Amino acid sequence: MVTIVNVHEAKTHLSRLLEQAHAGEEIILAKAGKPFARLMPLASAEPPVRTPGRLKDRIDLSRFFEALPDDELAACEAR
């Protein structure tokens, strides 16, 4: 369900509108009767799950600590 609310009313009832959005309702904020912004729930409030070791064997550690070639090193130092 979509609710259209004028900005002045939204300022007055922001807490209530946030609760409605959190419950899944989409709220359109209107300025001078024209849609201006959308208040809606976040897709996910949970942080993404991190999986240790998911990039294992993607980096060649035998070459990781080698010195950069002279041309690449010069390009970095030029900045």
Protein backbone atom coordinates (compact mmCIF):
# COMPACT_ATOMS: atom_id res chain seq x y z
CA MET A 1 0.00 0.00 0.00
CA VAL A 2 1.31 3.47 -0.88
CA THR A 3 0.50 6.55 1.20
CA ILE A 4 1.06 10.12 -0.04
CA VAL A 5 1.93 12.64 2.67
CA ASN A 6 2.67 16.35 2.41
CA VAL A 7 6.10 17.43 3.72
CA HIS A 8 4.58 19.55 6.51
CA GLU A 9 2.53 16.59 7.76
CA ALA A 10 5.59 14.33 7.44
CA LYS A 11 7.61 16.66 9.68
CA THR A 12 4.84 16.58 12.25
CA HIS A 13 4.38 12.79 12.20
CA LEU A 14 7.84 11.51 11.24
CA SER A 15 8.04 8.89 14.01
CA ARG A 16 4.69 7.39 13.00
CA LEU A 17 5.67 7.39 9.33
CA LEU A 18 8.98 5.67 10.12
CA GLU A 19 7.10 2.93 11.97
CA GLN A 20 4.77 2.49 9.00
CA ALA A 21 7.72 2.27 6.61
CA HIS A 22 9.45 -0.23 8.89
CA ALA A 23 6.27 -2.32 8.80
CA GLY A 24 6.55 -2.49 5.00
CA GLU A 25 4.42 0.42 3.84
CA GLU A 26 5.76 2.73 1.13
CA ILE A 27 5.21 6.43 1.79
CA ILE A 28 5.52 9.14 -0.87
CA LEU A 29 6.45 12.58 0.43
CA ALA A 30 4.86 15.34 -1.63
CA LYS A 31 5.85 18.97 -1.93
CA ALA A 32 3.13 21.31 -3.17
CA GLY A 33 1.09 18.24 -4.08
CA LYS A 34 3.78 16.75 -6.34
CA PRO A 35 5.69 13.56 -5.43
CA PHE A 36 9.12 14.54 -4.13
CA ALA A 37 10.67 11.61 -2.23
CA ARG A 38 9.95 8.05 -1.15
CA LEU A 39 10.12 6.64 2.38
CA MET A 40 10.34 2.87 2.34
CA PRO A 41 11.83 0.04 4.41
CA LEU A 42 15.42 -1.02 3.91
CA ALA A 43 15.91 -4.24 1.96
CA SER A 44 17.75 -5.79 4.89
CA ALA A 45 18.70 -4.40 8.25
CA GLU A 46 21.10 -7.30 8.81
CA PRO A 47 24.74 -6.81 7.78
CA PRO A 48 25.98 -9.19 5.08
CA VAL A 49 27.45 -12.45 6.28
CA ARG A 50 31.22 -12.57 5.97
CA THR A 51 32.75 -15.93 5.15
CA PRO A 52 36.40 -16.25 6.17
CA GLY A 53 38.57 -17.87 3.55
CA ARG A 54 36.24 -17.39 0.61
CA LEU A 55 39.10 -15.89 -1.44
CA LYS A 56 41.56 -18.64 -0.53
CA ASP A 57 43.91 -19.51 -3.40
CA ARG A 58 42.81 -16.45 -5.41
CA ILE A 59 46.01 -14.53 -4.56
CA ASP A 60 49.40 -15.92 -5.51
CA LEU A 61 51.21 -15.46 -2.19
CA SER A 62 54.53 -16.52 -3.68
CA ARG A 63 54.51 -13.30 -5.77
CA PHE A 64 52.58 -11.07 -3.38
CA PHE A 65 55.61 -9.58 -1.65
CA GLU A 66 57.84 -9.26 -4.74
CA ALA A 67 59.05 -5.77 -5.62
CA LEU A 68 57.09 -3.93 -8.29
CA PRO A 69 58.61 -3.65 -11.75
CA ASP A 70 60.51 -0.36 -12.22
CA ASP A 71 57.93 1.15 -14.60
CA GLU A 72 55.02 0.50 -12.18
CA LEU A 73 57.03 1.79 -9.23
CA ALA A 74 57.93 4.97 -11.18
CA ALA A 75 54.27 5.50 -12.07
CA CYS A 76 53.27 5.27 -8.38
CA GLU A 77 56.01 7.65 -7.29
CA ALA A 78 55.08 10.20 -9.96
CA ARG A 79 51.74 10.83 -8.31
